[in-house]
Every structure is written in structure tokens, then in C-alpha cells.
Amino acid sequence: SSFFDVVDENESLVQAVCCDPLYKGYAEPKHFFARNDVHFFPVSTEHKNSNDDDNDNDPTSAPYTYYDSICNIPLFQAPQNRSFHDFVRDTTEHGWPSFRLPEVVSSNVYIGPDGRNVY
């Protein structure tokens, strides 16, 4: 059982995390990005050769824009100043999307005083 097991039956988890003030300060459940019905990474990470330095025609060489799933506004553009492989590794290791400050679309994102909570 988790905190999100109590999401109102008329509200999706996405709506709760993005829009419901009751959940402000909470993130989606750990490893939610890895669910089969969530296509978080723009390409498959299973067959990507992390040692391949040839970025020509490589879809992982350019930043990918991540949008708010309710409002459809850009929130993050990642990876920047690191490889796609490092972005995947950091995200997988932490269990939540791991965005760095240069990847934040600052006009659309509020970072709380603690530096961790993103709204």
C-alpha cells in the first residue's frame, strides 16, 4: 500500500500528481517511469551501446523535451551536458527522473526552497 493508493476514483494518478493540491510536494511512485505503459525515454534503452561515440543519426545525441502530461507545457529538455547513457543511469539509479538544473525549462517550473520539490 502506498500514499497513492488513496487517489480519488474519479482522478487518475497523473492528475493527482500534476494538479491536486493534496499531493503537492509528492512525486509519482518510485520507478513509475519504468512501467510498460509509460514511455519515458524517447528510444529503447535495451539495445543502446553506451560506448558508441558516433553521434551521427543517433536519436539519443540531442535533448528530448519532457512535457507536463496534463498541461502539455515543456518542463525539461534532457540530457544536456551529459550523455543519454548517463541520464538513463542516473534516473534508473534514483528511481525517479533525474533532471539537472540546466535541463529545467525555468519559465515553466518552480523549484521549492529545498531545491528538491519541483512544481
Protein backbone atom coordinates (compact mmCIF):
# COMPACT_ATOMS: atom_id res chain seq x y z
CA SER A 1 0.00 0.00 0.00
CA SER A 2 1.23 3.50 -0.78
CA PHE A 3 0.11 7.08 -0.40
CA PHE A 4 -1.22 6.99 -3.96
CA ASP A 5 -3.50 4.06 -3.26
CA VAL A 6 -5.92 6.66 -1.86
CA VAL A 7 -6.20 8.69 -5.09
CA ASP A 8 -9.85 9.57 -5.67
CA GLU A 9 -11.50 7.07 -8.02
CA ASN A 10 -12.51 9.96 -10.30
CA GLU A 11 -8.92 11.17 -10.59
CA SER A 12 -6.01 9.50 -12.35
CA LEU A 13 -2.60 9.25 -10.72
CA VAL A 14 -1.28 11.72 -13.30
CA GLN A 15 -4.00 14.24 -12.41
CA ALA A 16 -3.28 13.80 -8.70
CA VAL A 17 0.47 14.34 -9.06
CA CYS A 18 0.16 17.25 -11.50
CA CYS A 19 -2.94 19.09 -10.37
CA ASP A 20 -4.32 18.10 -6.97
CA PRO A 21 -3.11 20.37 -4.14
CA LEU A 22 -3.49 17.42 -1.74
CA TYR A 23 -0.45 15.83 -3.39
CA LYS A 24 1.67 18.98 -3.70
CA GLY A 25 5.21 18.11 -2.73
CA TYR A 26 4.82 14.46 -3.65
CA ALA A 27 6.20 12.74 -6.70
CA GLU A 28 4.86 9.81 -8.61
CA PRO A 29 5.71 6.40 -7.08
CA LYS A 30 9.33 5.28 -7.33
CA HIS A 31 10.16 3.58 -10.67
CA PHE A 32 6.87 4.78 -12.19
CA PHE A 33 8.82 5.93 -15.26
CA ALA A 34 9.76 2.29 -15.94
CA ARG A 35 6.20 0.98 -16.24
CA ASN A 36 5.35 -0.63 -19.58
CA ASP A 37 2.57 1.90 -20.21
CA VAL A 38 4.88 4.89 -19.56
CA HIS A 39 7.22 5.70 -22.44
CA PHE A 40 9.65 7.92 -20.56
CA PHE A 41 12.78 7.52 -22.66
CA PRO A 42 12.44 8.58 -26.32
CA VAL A 43 14.20 5.43 -27.57
CA SER A 44 14.70 1.94 -26.27
CA THR A 45 17.47 1.74 -23.70
CA GLU A 46 17.85 -2.02 -24.02
CA HIS A 47 19.95 -2.15 -27.18
CA LYS A 48 21.79 1.17 -26.99
CA ASN A 49 25.55 0.72 -26.97
CA SER A 50 26.70 3.17 -24.29
CA ASN A 51 30.26 3.13 -25.67
CA ASP A 52 29.21 4.22 -29.15
CA ASP A 53 30.76 7.65 -29.67
CA ASP A 54 29.34 8.06 -33.18
CA ASN A 55 26.54 10.60 -32.69
CA ASP A 56 25.65 10.86 -36.37
CA ASN A 57 21.98 9.95 -36.78
CA ASP A 58 21.82 8.91 -33.14
CA PRO A 59 18.42 9.82 -31.64
CA THR A 60 19.99 9.86 -28.17
CA SER A 61 22.50 12.60 -29.02
CA ALA A 62 20.02 15.51 -28.89
CA PRO A 63 17.99 16.63 -25.88
CA TYR A 64 14.43 15.34 -25.67
CA THR A 65 11.67 17.62 -24.40
CA TYR A 66 9.58 16.32 -21.49
CA TYR A 67 6.12 17.86 -21.18
CA ASP A 68 3.63 18.15 -18.34
CA SER A 69 1.19 15.35 -19.13
CA ILE A 70 -1.86 17.42 -18.22
CA CYS A 71 -0.99 20.96 -19.37
CA ASN A 72 1.29 19.92 -22.26
CA ILE A 73 3.91 22.57 -21.46
CA PRO A 74 7.64 21.78 -21.72
CA LEU A 75 9.25 21.18 -18.33
CA PHE A 76 12.63 19.63 -19.08
CA GLN A 77 15.00 19.16 -22.00
CA ALA A 78 17.35 16.31 -21.31
CA PRO A 79 20.01 15.22 -21.43
CA GLN A 80 22.19 18.32 -21.54
CA ASN A 81 25.87 18.40 -20.63
CA ARG A 82 25.83 14.62 -20.16
CA SER A 83 25.24 11.58 -22.29
CA PHE A 84 21.94 9.81 -22.81
CA HIS A 85 23.53 6.80 -21.13
CA ASP A 86 24.33 8.88 -18.02
CA PHE A 87 20.77 10.27 -17.95
CA VAL A 88 19.31 6.75 -18.10
CA ARG A 89 21.73 5.51 -15.46
CA ASP A 90 21.01 8.40 -13.07
CA THR A 91 17.25 8.03 -13.50
CA THR A 92 17.32 4.26 -13.03
CA GLU A 93 19.63 4.50 -10.02
CA HIS A 94 17.47 7.12 -8.25
CA GLY A 95 14.14 5.54 -9.19
CA TRP A 96 12.73 8.88 -10.41
CA PRO A 97 13.53 11.02 -13.44
CA SER A 98 16.86 12.64 -12.68
CA PHE A 99 16.94 16.10 -14.22
CA ARG A 100 19.73 18.58 -13.60
CA LEU A 101 19.35 22.34 -13.36
CA PRO A 102 20.48 23.09 -16.96
CA GLU A 103 17.73 20.72 -18.17
CA VAL A 104 14.90 22.65 -16.46
CA VAL A 105 12.69 24.91 -18.57
CA SER A 106 12.80 27.57 -15.87
CA SER A 107 9.88 29.61 -17.21
CA ASN A 108 7.56 26.62 -16.64
CA VAL A 109 8.99 25.04 -13.48
CA TYR A 110 9.10 26.20 -9.88
CA ILE A 111 11.78 24.63 -7.70
CA GLY A 112 10.97 24.86 -3.99
CA PRO A 113 13.34 26.40 -1.42
CA ASP A 114 14.59 22.93 -0.50
CA GLY A 115 15.89 22.52 -4.07
CA ARG A 116 14.19 19.15 -4.36
CA ASN A 117 10.49 19.75 -4.75
CA VAL A 118 9.55 20.74 -8.28
CA TYR A 119 6.15 22.22 -9.12
